PDB file of N, CA and C in Angstrom:
ATOM      1  N   UNK A   1       0.743 -44.744 -13.491  1.00  0.00           N
ATOM      2  CA  UNK A   1       0.260 -44.986 -14.813  1.00  0.00           C
ATOM      3  C   UNK A   1      -0.119 -46.622 -14.409  1.00  0.00           C
ATOM      4  N   UNK A   2      -1.472 -46.506 -15.070  1.00  0.00           N
ATOM      5  CA  UNK A   2      -2.136 -47.915 -15.177  1.00  0.00           C
ATOM      6  C   UNK A   2      -2.086 -48.375 -16.793  1.00  0.00           C
ATOM      7  N   UNK A   3      -1.747 -49.764 -16.327  1.00  0.00           N
ATOM      8  CA  UNK A   3      -1.356 -50.563 -17.933  1.00  0.00           C
ATOM      9  C   UNK A   3      -2.073 -51.377 -18.252  1.00  0.00           C
ATOM     10  N   UNK A   4      -2.874 -51.714 -19.291  1.00  0.00           N
ATOM     11  CA  UNK A   4      -3.754 -52.488 -19.332  1.00  0.00           C
ATOM     12  C   UNK A   4      -3.449 -53.249 -20.601  1.00  0.00           C
ATOM     13  N   UNK A   5      -2.785 -54.605 -21.291  1.00  0.00           N
ATOM     14  CA  UNK A   5      -2.586 -54.905 -22.430  1.00  0.00           C
ATOM     15  C   UNK A   5      -3.527 -55.628 -23.206  1.00  0.00           C
ATOM     16  N   UNK A   6      -4.840 -55.471 -24.225  1.00  0.00           N
ATOM     17  CA  UNK A   6      -5.512 -56.395 -24.964  1.00  0.00           C
ATOM     18  C   UNK A   6      -5.102 -57.787 -24.656  1.00  0.00           C
ATOM     19  N   UNK A   7      -3.871 -57.999 -25.357  1.00  0.00           N
ATOM     20  CA  UNK A   7      -3.543 -59.720 -25.298  1.00  0.00           C
ATOM     21  C   UNK A   7      -3.464 -60.101 -24.069  1.00  0.00           C
ATOM     22  N   UNK A   8      -2.709 -59.241 -22.961  1.00  0.00           N
ATOM     23  CA  UNK A   8      -2.324 -59.765 -21.947  1.00  0.00           C
ATOM     24  C   UNK A   8      -3.715 -60.141 -20.976  1.00  0.00           C
ATOM     25  N   UNK A   9      -4.610 -59.172 -20.692  1.00  0.00           N
ATOM     26  CA  UNK A   9      -5.380 -58.569 -19.742  1.00  0.00           C
ATOM     27  C   UNK A   9      -6.618 -59.356 -20.254  1.00  0.00           C
ATOM     28  N   UNK A  10      -7.287 -59.628 -21.492  1.00  0.00           N
ATOM     29  CA  UNK A  10      -8.479 -59.778 -22.087  1.00  0.00           C
ATOM     30  C   UNK A  10      -8.237 -61.348 -22.915  1.00  0.00           C
ATOM     31  N   UNK A  11      -7.592 -61.071 -24.056  1.00  0.00           N
ATOM     32  CA  UNK A  11      -7.272 -61.979 -25.014  1.00  0.00           C
ATOM     33  C   UNK A  11      -6.675 -61.638 -26.074  1.00  0.00           C
ATOM     34  N   UNK A  12      -5.567 -62.569 -26.824  1.00  0.00           N
ATOM     35  CA  UNK A  12      -5.239 -62.641 -27.817  1.00  0.00           C
ATOM     36  C   UNK A  12      -5.764 -62.570 -29.317  1.00  0.00           C
ATOM     37  N   UNK A  13      -7.075 -63.114 -29.133  1.00  0.00           N
ATOM     38  CA  UNK A  13      -7.835 -63.525 -30.285  1.00  0.00           C
ATOM     39  C   UNK A  13      -8.847 -62.448 -29.866  1.00  0.00           C
ATOM     40  N   UNK A  14      -9.096 -60.904 -29.769  1.00  0.00           N
ATOM     41  CA  UNK A  14     -10.657 -60.627 -29.394  1.00  0.00           C
ATOM     42  C   UNK A  14     -11.407 -60.852 -30.374  1.00  0.00           C
ATOM     43  N   UNK A  15     -12.417 -60.674 -30.328  1.00  0.00           N
ATOM     44  CA  UNK A  15     -13.654 -61.020 -31.268  1.00  0.00           C
ATOM     45  C   UNK A  15     -14.659 -60.038 -31.900  1.00  0.00           C
ATOM     46  N   UNK A  16     -15.688 -60.174 -32.185  1.00  0.00           N
ATOM     47  CA  UNK A  16     -16.511 -59.139 -33.185  1.00  0.00           C
ATOM     48  C   UNK A  16     -17.256 -58.041 -31.878  1.00  0.00           C
ATOM     49  N   UNK A  17     -18.442 -57.478 -31.867  1.00  0.00           N
ATOM     50  CA  UNK A  17     -18.886 -55.970 -31.281  1.00  0.00           C
ATOM     51  C   UNK A  17     -19.268 -56.813 -29.938  1.00  0.00           C
ATOM     52  N   UNK A  18     -20.520 -57.441 -30.395  1.00  0.00           N
ATOM     53  CA  UNK A  18     -21.473 -57.955 -29.027  1.00  0.00           C
ATOM     54  C   UNK A  18     -21.006 -59.209 -28.453  1.00  0.00           C
ATOM     55  N   UNK A  19     -21.376 -59.790 -27.140  1.00  0.00           N
ATOM     56  CA  UNK A  19     -20.975 -61.255 -26.868  1.00  0.00           C
ATOM     57  C   UNK A  19     -21.566 -62.091 -27.640  1.00  0.00           C
ATOM     58  N   UNK A  20     -23.078 -61.857 -27.949  1.00  0.00           N
ATOM     59  CA  UNK A  20     -24.017 -63.022 -28.905  1.00  0.00           C
ATOM     60  C   UNK A  20     -23.179 -63.402 -30.460  1.00  0.00           C
ATOM     61  N   UNK A  21     -22.583 -62.256 -30.785  1.00  0.00           N
ATOM     62  CA  UNK A  21     -21.354 -62.541 -31.882  1.00  0.00           C
ATOM     63  C   UNK A  21     -20.697 -63.869 -31.690  1.00  0.00           C
ATOM     64  N   UNK A  22     -20.239 -63.972 -30.143  1.00  0.00           N
ATOM     65  CA  UNK A  22     -19.134 -64.763 -29.860  1.00  0.00           C
ATOM     66  C   UNK A  22     -18.220 -64.252 -28.786  1.00  0.00           C
ATOM     67  N   UNK A  23     -17.195 -65.143 -28.465  1.00  0.00           N
ATOM     68  CA  UNK A  23     -16.142 -64.492 -27.264  1.00  0.00           C
ATOM     69  C   UNK A  23     -15.256 -63.570 -27.650  1.00  0.00           C
ATOM     70  N   UNK A  24     -15.188 -62.780 -26.342  1.00  0.00           N
ATOM     71  CA  UNK A  24     -14.034 -62.150 -26.356  1.00  0.00           C
ATOM     72  C   UNK A  24     -14.698 -60.422 -26.827  1.00  0.00           C
ATOM     73  N   UNK A  25     -15.891 -60.305 -26.990  1.00  0.00           N
ATOM     74  CA  UNK A  25     -16.033 -59.095 -27.889  1.00  0.00           C
ATOM     75  C   UNK A  25     -15.910 -57.698 -26.712  1.00  0.00           C
ATOM     76  N   UNK A  26     -16.076 -56.458 -28.553  1.00  0.00           N
ATOM     77  CA  UNK A  26     -16.186 -55.109 -27.708  1.00  0.00           C
ATOM     78  C   UNK A  26     -16.691 -55.214 -26.757  1.00  0.00           C
ATOM     79  N   UNK A  27     -17.506 -54.999 -26.385  1.00  0.00           N
ATOM     80  CA  UNK A  27     -18.491 -54.751 -25.422  1.00  0.00           C
ATOM     81  C   UNK A  27     -18.076 -55.076 -23.999  1.00  0.00           C
ATOM     82  N   UNK A  28     -17.835 -56.931 -24.225  1.00  0.00           N
ATOM     83  CA  UNK A  28     -17.004 -57.309 -22.814  1.00  0.00           C
ATOM     84  C   UNK A  28     -15.975 -56.483 -22.789  1.00  0.00           C
ATOM     85  N   UNK A  29     -15.057 -56.713 -23.509  1.00  0.00           N
ATOM     86  CA  UNK A  29     -13.521 -55.535 -23.224  1.00  0.00           C
ATOM     87  C   UNK A  29     -13.960 -54.022 -22.292  1.00  0.00           C
ATOM     88  N   UNK A  30     -14.637 -53.870 -22.835  1.00  0.00           N
ATOM     89  CA  UNK A  30     -15.035 -52.222 -22.347  1.00  0.00           C
ATOM     90  C   UNK A  30     -15.719 -52.575 -20.842  1.00  0.00           C
ATOM     91  N   UNK A  31     -16.764 -53.295 -20.837  1.00  0.00           N
ATOM     92  CA  UNK A  31     -17.512 -53.409 -19.678  1.00  0.00           C
ATOM     93  C   UNK A  31     -16.745 -53.799 -18.617  1.00  0.00           C
ATOM     94  N   UNK A  32     -15.882 -54.874 -19.083  1.00  0.00           N
ATOM     95  CA  UNK A  32     -14.885 -56.178 -17.683  1.00  0.00           C
ATOM     96  C   UNK A  32     -13.499 -55.185 -17.646  1.00  0.00           C
ATOM     97  N   UNK A  33     -12.719 -54.669 -18.535  1.00  0.00           N
ATOM     98  CA  UNK A  33     -11.823 -54.334 -18.499  1.00  0.00           C
ATOM     99  C   UNK A  33     -11.268 -52.481 -18.754  1.00  0.00           C
ATOM    100  N   UNK A  34     -12.032 -52.267 -19.360  1.00  0.00           N
ATOM    101  CA  UNK A  34     -10.866 -50.929 -20.058  1.00  0.00           C
ATOM    102  C   UNK A  34     -12.084 -50.084 -19.284  1.00  0.00           C
ATOM    103  N   UNK A  35     -13.303 -49.480 -19.149  1.00  0.00           N
ATOM    104  CA  UNK A  35     -14.149 -49.093 -18.377  1.00  0.00           C
ATOM    105  C   UNK A  35     -13.757 -48.680 -17.028  1.00  0.00           C
ATOM    106  N   UNK A  36     -13.710 -50.049 -15.812  1.00  0.00           N
ATOM    107  CA  UNK A  36     -13.354 -49.517 -15.224  1.00  0.00           C
ATOM    108  C   UNK A  36     -11.892 -49.367 -14.918  1.00  0.00           C
ATOM    109  N   UNK A  37     -10.815 -49.641 -15.697  1.00  0.00           N
ATOM    110  CA  UNK A  37      -9.419 -48.913 -15.274  1.00  0.00           C
ATOM    111  C   UNK A  37      -9.825 -47.373 -15.581  1.00  0.00           C
ATOM    112  N   UNK A  38     -10.603 -47.144 -16.753  1.00  0.00           N
ATOM    113  CA  UNK A  38     -10.465 -45.755 -16.859  1.00  0.00           C
ATOM    114  C   UNK A  38     -10.890 -44.929 -15.738  1.00  0.00           C
ATOM    115  N   UNK A  39     -12.374 -45.586 -15.136  1.00  0.00           N
ATOM    116  CA  UNK A  39     -12.657 -44.843 -14.496  1.00  0.00           C
ATOM    117  C   UNK A  39     -11.584 -44.442 -12.957  1.00  0.00           C
ATOM    118  N   UNK A  40     -11.172 -45.837 -12.597  1.00  0.00           N
ATOM    119  CA  UNK A  40      -9.753 -45.495 -11.803  1.00  0.00           C
ATOM    120  C   UNK A  40      -8.986 -44.696 -11.963  1.00  0.00           C
ATOM    121  N   UNK A  41      -8.513 -44.491 -13.392  1.00  0.00           N
ATOM    122  CA  UNK A  41      -7.321 -43.724 -13.470  1.00  0.00           C
ATOM    123  C   UNK A  41      -7.808 -42.184 -13.655  1.00  0.00           C
ATOM    124  N   UNK A  42      -9.198 -41.943 -13.852  1.00  0.00           N
ATOM    125  CA  UNK A  42      -9.877 -40.915 -13.816  1.00  0.00           C
ATOM    126  C   UNK A  42      -9.590 -40.187 -12.177  1.00  0.00           C
ATOM    127  N   UNK A  43     -10.308 -41.040 -11.673  1.00  0.00           N
ATOM    128  CA  UNK A  43     -10.191 -41.025 -10.110  1.00  0.00           C
ATOM    129  C   UNK A  43      -9.051 -40.501  -9.311  1.00  0.00           C
ATOM    130  N   UNK A  44      -7.973 -40.933  -9.851  1.00  0.00           N
ATOM    131  CA  UNK A  44      -6.967 -40.850  -9.353  1.00  0.00           C
ATOM    132  C   UNK A  44      -5.680 -40.082 -10.200  1.00  0.00           C
ATOM    133  N   UNK A  45      -6.562 -39.249 -10.925  1.00  0.00           N
ATOM    134  CA  UNK A  45      -6.251 -38.310 -11.906  1.00  0.00           C
ATOM    135  C   UNK A  45      -4.322 -39.023 -12.890  1.00  0.00           C
ATOM    136  N   UNK A  46      -4.781 -40.283 -13.016  1.00  0.00           N
ATOM    137  CA  UNK A  46      -3.588 -40.872 -13.568  1.00  0.00           C
ATOM    138  C   UNK A  46      -3.713 -41.106 -15.258  1.00  0.00           C
ATOM    139  N   UNK A  47      -2.711 -41.814 -16.187  1.00  0.00           N
ATOM    140  CA  UNK A  47      -3.034 -41.786 -17.368  1.00  0.00           C
ATOM    141  C   UNK A  47      -3.216 -43.393 -17.571  1.00  0.00           C
ATOM    142  N   UNK A  48      -3.872 -44.033 -18.184  1.00  0.00           N
ATOM    143  CA  UNK A  48      -4.224 -45.284 -18.552  1.00  0.00           C
ATOM    144  C   UNK A  48      -3.586 -45.550 -19.696  1.00  0.00           C
ATOM    145  N   UNK A  49      -2.733 -46.291 -19.821  1.00  0.00           N
ATOM    146  CA  UNK A  49      -2.234 -46.773 -21.064  1.00  0.00           C
ATOM    147  C   UNK A  49      -2.703 -47.940 -21.439  1.00  0.00           C
ATOM    148  N   UNK A  50      -3.472 -48.214 -23.033  1.00  0.00           N
ATOM    149  CA  UNK A  50      -3.797 -49.417 -23.240  1.00  0.00           C
ATOM    150  C   UNK A  50      -2.504 -49.749 -24.730  1.00  0.00           C
ATOM    151  N   UNK A  51      -2.357 -50.831 -24.215  1.00  0.00           N
ATOM    152  CA  UNK A  51      -1.309 -51.755 -25.616  1.00  0.00           C
ATOM    153  C   UNK A  51      -2.086 -52.728 -26.463  1.00  0.00           C
ATOM    154  N   UNK A  52      -2.126 -52.183 -27.545  1.00  0.00           N
ATOM    155  CA  UNK A  52      -2.666 -53.051 -28.751  1.00  0.00           C
ATOM    156  C   UNK A  52      -2.347 -54.238 -29.069  1.00  0.00           C
ATOM    157  N   UNK A  53      -0.721 -54.395 -29.015  1.00  0.00           N
ATOM    158  CA  UNK A  53       0.140 -55.291 -29.673  1.00  0.00           C
ATOM    159  C   UNK A  53      -0.072 -56.623 -28.908  1.00  0.00           C
ATOM    160  N   UNK A  54       0.009 -57.748 -29.584  1.00  0.00           N
ATOM    161  CA  UNK A  54       0.215 -58.897 -29.156  1.00  0.00           C
ATOM    162  C   UNK A  54      -1.044 -59.977 -29.361  1.00  0.00           C
ATOM    163  N   UNK A  55      -2.105 -59.263 -30.160  1.00  0.00           N
ATOM    164  CA  UNK A  55      -2.998 -60.128 -30.754  1.00  0.00           C
ATOM    165  C   UNK A  55      -3.399 -60.575 -31.847  1.00  0.00           C
ATOM    166  N   UNK A  56      -3.600 -61.773 -32.437  1.00  0.00           N
ATOM    167  CA  UNK A  56      -3.880 -62.107 -33.775  1.00  0.00           C
ATOM    168  C   UNK A  56      -4.879 -60.986 -34.653  1.00  0.00           C
ATOM    169  N   UNK A  57      -5.020 -59.321 -34.131  1.00  0.00           N
ATOM    170  CA  UNK A  57      -5.958 -58.575 -34.285  1.00  0.00           C
ATOM    171  C   UNK A  57      -6.585 -58.159 -34.132  1.00  0.00           C
ATOM    172  N   UNK A  58      -6.801 -56.676 -34.519  1.00  0.00           N
ATOM    173  CA  UNK A  58      -8.065 -55.810 -33.744  1.00  0.00           C
ATOM    174  C   UNK A  58      -9.073 -55.924 -34.830  1.00  0.00           C
ATOM    175  N   UNK A  59     -10.187 -56.328 -34.744  1.00  0.00           N
ATOM    176  CA  UNK A  59     -11.187 -55.953 -35.835  1.00  0.00           C
ATOM    177  C   UNK A  59     -12.025 -54.637 -35.494  1.00  0.00           C
ATOM    178  N   UNK A  60     -12.351 -54.126 -36.581  1.00  0.00           N
ATOM    179  CA  UNK A  60     -13.370 -52.445 -36.488  1.00  0.00           C
ATOM    180  C   UNK A  60     -14.441 -52.625 -35.288  1.00  0.00           C
ATOM    181  N   UNK A  61     -15.166 -53.328 -35.630  1.00  0.00           N
ATOM    182  CA  UNK A  61     -16.484 -53.397 -35.028  1.00  0.00           C
ATOM    183  C   UNK A  61     -15.562 -53.640 -32.945  1.00  0.00           C
ATOM    184  N   UNK A  62     -14.767 -54.700 -32.848  1.00  0.00           N
ATOM    185  CA  UNK A  62     -14.362 -54.373 -31.355  1.00  0.00           C
ATOM    186  C   UNK A  62     -13.757 -53.375 -31.264  1.00  0.00           C
ATOM    187  N   UNK A  63     -13.187 -52.408 -32.004  1.00  0.00           N
ATOM    188  CA  UNK A  63     -12.526 -51.245 -31.470  1.00  0.00           C
ATOM    189  C   UNK A  63     -13.410 -50.275 -31.084  1.00  0.00           C
ATOM    190  N   UNK A  64     -14.416 -50.032 -32.421  1.00  0.00           N
ATOM    191  CA  UNK A  64     -15.714 -49.311 -32.138  1.00  0.00           C
ATOM    192  C   UNK A  64     -16.116 -49.497 -30.808  1.00  0.00           C
ATOM    193  N   UNK A  65     -16.652 -50.775 -30.555  1.00  0.00           N
ATOM    194  CA  UNK A  65     -17.683 -50.827 -29.064  1.00  0.00           C
ATOM    195  C   UNK A  65     -16.946 -50.563 -28.264  1.00  0.00           C
ATOM    196  N   UNK A  66     -15.260 -50.770 -28.341  1.00  0.00           N
ATOM    197  CA  UNK A  66     -14.938 -50.961 -26.740  1.00  0.00           C
ATOM    198  C   UNK A  66     -14.550 -49.711 -26.513  1.00  0.00           C
ATOM    199  N   UNK A  67     -14.029 -48.633 -27.403  1.00  0.00           N
ATOM    200  CA  UNK A  67     -13.980 -47.261 -27.131  1.00  0.00           C
ATOM    201  C   UNK A  67     -14.800 -46.139 -27.659  1.00  0.00           C
ATOM    202  N   UNK A  68     -15.607 -46.295 -28.320  1.00  0.00           N
ATOM    203  CA  UNK A  68     -16.594 -45.429 -29.271  1.00  0.00           C
ATOM    204  C   UNK A  68     -17.529 -45.805 -28.302  1.00  0.00           C
ATOM    205  N   UNK A  69     -17.712 -46.850 -27.776  1.00  0.00           N
ATOM    206  CA  UNK A  69     -19.077 -47.219 -26.744  1.00  0.00           C
ATOM    207  C   UNK A  69     -18.482 -46.605 -25.060  1.00  0.00           C
ATOM    208  N   UNK A  70     -17.482 -45.923 -25.088  1.00  0.00           N
ATOM    209  CA  UNK A  70     -17.222 -44.937 -24.006  1.00  0.00           C
ATOM    210  C   UNK A  70     -17.687 -43.994 -23.704  1.00  0.00           C
ATOM    211  N   UNK A  71     -18.147 -43.683 -24.853  1.00  0.00           N
ATOM    212  CA  UNK A  71     -18.778 -42.457 -25.138  1.00  0.00           C
ATOM    213  C   UNK A  71     -20.295 -42.574 -24.441  1.00  0.00           C
ATOM    214  N   UNK A  72     -20.650 -43.425 -25.595  1.00  0.00           N
ATOM    215  CA  UNK A  72     -21.802 -43.812 -26.171  1.00  0.00           C
ATOM    216  C   UNK A  72     -22.780 -44.320 -24.977  1.00  0.00           C
ATOM    217  N   UNK A  73     -22.184 -45.482 -24.437  1.00  0.00           N
ATOM    218  CA  UNK A  73     -22.702 -46.387 -23.596  1.00  0.00           C
ATOM    219  C   UNK A  73     -22.408 -45.842 -21.891  1.00  0.00           C
ATOM    220  N   UNK A  74     -21.070 -45.458 -21.813  1.00  0.00           N
ATOM    221  CA  UNK A  74     -20.589 -45.109 -20.279  1.00  0.00           C
ATOM    222  C   UNK A  74     -20.713 -43.613 -20.074  1.00  0.00           C
ATOM    223  N   UNK A  75     -21.182 -42.891 -20.790  1.00  0.00           N
ATOM    224  CA  UNK A  75     -21.077 -41.563 -20.717  1.00  0.00           C
ATOM    225  C   UNK A  75     -19.685 -40.733 -19.861  1.00  0.00           C
ATOM    226  N   UNK A  76     -18.645 -41.273 -20.903  1.00  0.00           N
ATOM    227  CA  UNK A  76     -17.728 -40.800 -20.222  1.00  0.00           C
ATOM    228  C   UNK A  76     -17.001 -39.509 -20.922  1.00  0.00           C
ATOM    229  N   UNK A  77     -16.693 -38.595 -20.715  1.00  0.00           N
ATOM    230  CA  UNK A  77     -16.437 -37.296 -21.831  1.00  0.00           C
ATOM    231  C   UNK A  77     -15.245 -37.635 -22.801  1.00  0.00           C
ATOM    232  N   UNK A  78     -15.777 -37.190 -24.181  1.00  0.00           N
ATOM    233  CA  UNK A  78     -14.813 -36.977 -24.910  1.00  0.00           C
ATOM    234  C   UNK A  78     -13.297 -36.592 -24.524  1.00  0.00           C
ATOM    235  N   UNK A  79     -13.636 -35.984 -23.511  1.00  0.00           N
ATOM    236  CA  UNK A  79     -12.389 -34.330 -23.135  1.00  0.00           C
ATOM    237  C   UNK A  79     -11.603 -35.509 -22.338  1.00  0.00           C
ATOM    238  N   UNK A  80     -12.367 -36.444 -21.428  1.00  0.00           N
ATOM    239  CA  UNK A  80     -11.340 -36.825 -20.010  1.00  0.00           C
ATOM    240  C   UNK A  80     -11.129 -37.911 -20.908  1.00  0.00           C
ATOM    241  N   UNK A  81     -11.592 -38.536 -21.725  1.00  0.00           N
ATOM    242  CA  UNK A  81     -10.832 -39.824 -22.469  1.00  0.00           C
ATOM    243  C   UNK A  81      -9.439 -39.380 -23.313  1.00  0.00           C
ATOM    244  N   UNK A  82      -9.727 -38.117 -23.697  1.00  0.00           N
ATOM    245  CA  UNK A  82      -8.261 -37.472 -24.386  1.00  0.00           C
ATOM    246  C   UNK A  82      -6.803 -37.333 -23.779  1.00  0.00           C
ATOM    247  N   UNK A  83      -7.866 -36.345 -22.450  1.00  0.00           N
ATOM    248  CA  UNK A  83      -6.499 -36.492 -21.416  1.00  0.00           C
ATOM    249  C   UNK A  83      -6.026 -37.685 -20.941  1.00  0.00           C
ATOM    250  N   UNK A  84      -6.918 -38.700 -20.741  1.00  0.00           N
ATOM    251  CA  UNK A  84      -6.248 -39.924 -19.934  1.00  0.00           C
ATOM    252  C   UNK A  84      -5.686 -41.326 -20.331  1.00  0.00           C
ATOM    253  N   UNK A  85      -6.126 -41.284 -21.384  1.00  0.00           N
ATOM    254  CA  UNK A  85      -5.710 -42.528 -22.435  1.00  0.00           C
ATOM    255  C   UNK A  85      -4.433 -42.380 -22.912  1.00  0.00           C
ATOM    256  N   UNK A  86      -3.409 -43.466 -22.881  1.00  0.00           N
ATOM    257  CA  UNK A  86      -2.492 -43.493 -24.073  1.00  0.00           C
ATOM    258  C   UNK A  86      -2.577 -44.885 -24.505  1.00  0.00           C
ATOM    259  N   UNK A  87      -2.593 -44.512 -25.974  1.00  0.00           N
ATOM    260  CA  UNK A  87      -3.032 -45.711 -26.647  1.00  0.00           C
ATOM    261  C   UNK A  87      -1.654 -46.323 -27.616  1.00  0.00           C
ATOM    262  N   UNK A  88      -0.957 -47.357 -27.339  1.00  0.00           N
ATOM    263  CA  UNK A  88       0.180 -47.892 -27.407  1.00  0.00           C
ATOM    264  C   UNK A  88       0.309 -48.868 -28.849  1.00  0.00           C
ATOM    265  N   UNK A  89       0.871 -48.980 -29.446  1.00  0.00           N
ATOM    266  CA  UNK A  89       0.882 -50.151 -30.567  1.00  0.00           C
ATOM    267  C   UNK A  89       2.122 -50.210 -31.397  1.00  0.00           C
ATOM    268  N   UNK A  90       3.042 -50.679 -31.311  1.00  0.00           N
ATOM    269  CA  UNK A  90       4.693 -50.604 -31.867  1.00  0.00           C
ATOM    270  C   UNK A  90       4.673 -51.873 -32.996  1.00  0.00           C
ATOM    271  N   UNK A  91       3.030 -52.708 -33.169  1.00  0.00           N
ATOM    272  CA  UNK A  91       3.068 -53.448 -34.388  1.00  0.00           C
ATOM    273  C   UNK A  91       2.102 -52.786 -35.470  1.00  0.00           C
ATOM    274  N   UNK A  92       1.139 -51.865 -35.185  1.00  0.00           N
ATOM    275  CA  UNK A  92       0.264 -51.323 -36.342  1.00  0.00           C
ATOM    276  C   UNK A  92      -0.035 -49.894 -35.683  1.00  0.00           C
ATOM    277  N   UNK A  93       0.317 -48.869 -35.718  1.00  0.00           N
ATOM    278  CA  UNK A  93      -0.179 -47.674 -35.291  1.00  0.00           C
ATOM    279  C   UNK A  93      -1.618 -47.280 -36.126  1.00  0.00           C
ATOM    280  N   UNK A  94      -1.548 -47.985 -37.124  1.00  0.00           N
ATOM    281  CA  UNK A  94      -2.944 -47.212 -37.809  1.00  0.00           C
ATOM    282  C   UNK A  94      -4.214 -48.021 -37.082  1.00  0.00           C
ATOM    283  N   UNK A  95      -4.189 -48.977 -35.824  1.00  0.00           N
ATOM    284  CA  UNK A  95      -5.165 -49.102 -35.059  1.00  0.00           C
ATOM    285  C   UNK A  95      -5.141 -47.403 -33.899  1.00  0.00           C
ATOM    286  N   UNK A  96      -4.378 -47.084 -33.488  1.00  0.00           N
ATOM    287  CA  UNK A  96      -4.165 -45.869 -33.184  1.00  0.00           C
ATOM    288  C   UNK A  96      -5.170 -44.624 -33.458  1.00  0.00           C
ATOM    289  N   UNK A  97      -5.197 -44.591 -34.826  1.00  0.00           N
ATOM    290  CA  UNK A  97      -5.528 -43.834 -35.355  1.00  0.00           C
ATOM    291  C   UNK A  97      -7.055 -43.965 -35.288  1.00  0.00           C
ATOM    292  N   UNK A  98      -7.494 -45.578 -35.903  1.00  0.00           N
ATOM    293  CA  UNK A  98      -8.553 -45.676 -36.039  1.00  0.00           C
ATOM    294  C   UNK A  98      -9.396 -45.635 -34.675  1.00  0.00           C
ATOM    295  N   UNK A  99      -8.913 -45.587 -33.345  1.00  0.00           N
ATOM    296  CA  UNK A  99      -9.635 -45.554 -32.208  1.00  0.00           C
ATOM    297  C   UNK A  99     -10.023 -44.064 -32.061  1.00  0.00           C
ATOM    298  N   UNK A 100      -9.001 -43.257 -32.627  1.00  0.00           N
ATOM    299  CA  UNK A 100      -9.452 -41.743 -32.432  1.00  0.00           C
ATOM    300  C   UNK A 100     -10.194 -41.311 -33.079  1.00  0.00           C
ATOM    301  N   UNK A 101     -10.763 -41.641 -34.343  1.00  0.00           N
ATOM    302  CA  UNK A 101     -11.411 -41.627 -35.327  1.00  0.00           C
ATOM    303  C   UNK A 101     -13.036 -42.145 -34.797  1.00  0.00           C
ATOM    304  N   UNK A 102     -12.595 -43.416 -34.181  1.00  0.00           N
ATOM    305  CA  UNK A 102     -14.199 -43.593 -33.496  1.00  0.00           C
ATOM    306  C   UNK A 102     -14.752 -43.139 -31.754  1.00  0.00           C
ATOM    307  N   UNK A 103     -13.619 -42.684 -31.311  1.00  0.00           N
ATOM    308  CA  UNK A 103     -13.470 -41.668 -30.369  1.00  0.00           C
ATOM    309  C   UNK A 103     -14.273 -40.160 -30.998  1.00  0.00           C
ATOM    310  N   UNK A 104     -13.695 -39.757 -31.810  1.00  0.00           N
ATOM    311  CA  UNK A 104     -13.959 -38.244 -32.600  1.00  0.00           C
ATOM    312  C   UNK A 104     -15.907 -38.309 -33.065  1.00  0.00           C
ATOM    313  N   UNK A 105     -16.077 -39.494 -33.751  1.00  0.00           N
ATOM    314  CA  UNK A 105     -17.433 -39.856 -33.756  1.00  0.00           C
ATOM    315  C   UNK A 105     -18.194 -40.316 -33.367  1.00  0.00           C
ATOM    316  N   UNK A 106     -18.268 -41.194 -32.550  1.00  0.00           N
ATOM    317  CA  UNK A 106     -19.092 -41.368 -30.686  1.00  0.00           C
ATOM    318  C   UNK A 106     -19.113 -39.744 -29.923  1.00  0.00           C
ATOM    319  N   UNK A 107     -18.073 -38.444 -29.857  1.00  0.00           N
ATOM    320  CA  UNK A 107     -18.432 -37.742 -29.467  1.00  0.00           C
ATOM    321  C   UNK A 107     -19.214 -37.001 -30.337  1.00  0.00           C
ATOM    322  N   UNK A 108     -19.217 -36.489 -31.556  1.00  0.00           N
ATOM    323  CA  UNK A 108     -19.993 -35.718 -32.805  1.00  0.00           C
ATOM    324  C   UNK A 108     -21.046 -36.497 -32.409  1.00  0.00           C
ATOM    325  N   UNK A 109     -21.533 -37.711 -32.363  1.00  0.00           N
ATOM    326  CA  UNK A 109     -22.819 -38.422 -32.662  1.00  0.00           C
ATOM    327  C   UNK A 109     -23.840 -37.601 -31.477  1.00  0.00           C
ATOM    328  N   UNK A 110     -23.087 -38.018 -30.083  1.00  0.00           N
ATOM    329  CA  UNK A 110     -23.663 -37.458 -28.825  1.00  0.00           C
ATOM    330  C   UNK A 110     -23.872 -36.332 -29.182  1.00  0.00           C
ATOM    331  N   UNK A 111     -23.016 -35.366 -29.459  1.00  0.00           N
ATOM    332  CA  UNK A 111     -23.622 -34.353 -29.509  1.00  0.00           C
ATOM    333  C   UNK A 111     -24.745 -33.141 -30.110  1.00  0.00           C
ATOM    334  N   UNK A 112     -25.036 -34.658 -31.770  1.00  0.00           N
ATOM    335  CA  UNK A 112     -25.873 -34.293 -32.389  1.00  0.00           C
ATOM    336  C   UNK A 112     -27.509 -34.914 -32.345  1.00  0.00           C
ATOM    337  N   UNK A 113     -26.878 -35.503 -31.276  1.00  0.00           N
ATOM    338  CA  UNK A 113     -28.566 -36.553 -30.641  1.00  0.00           C
ATOM    339  C   UNK A 113     -29.352 -35.006 -29.068  1.00  0.00           C
TER     340      UNK A 113
END
């Protein structure tokens, strides 16, 4: 299993959606950390564990861009994401529900285009 921690491998203070809105954006996390590790996990038929704990908080725009963007921008299938991604949060499990909603919405949006 491949493991990434947003707090340890990216930032304890994740920012907004896009780099132009400040440092440590969701787009930056997706492009530089999440997507490469997800592609590695898919290639090696492994799970990718993402630890959400340890940050000062995770904004909705950060999470939506980071995770929903995997489908919208990186064109990774919803099915591949669901079979590979393992989300972990002992601090606030609502983040997991939120991310799953963003993935579902991005998948539905893709299907309607």
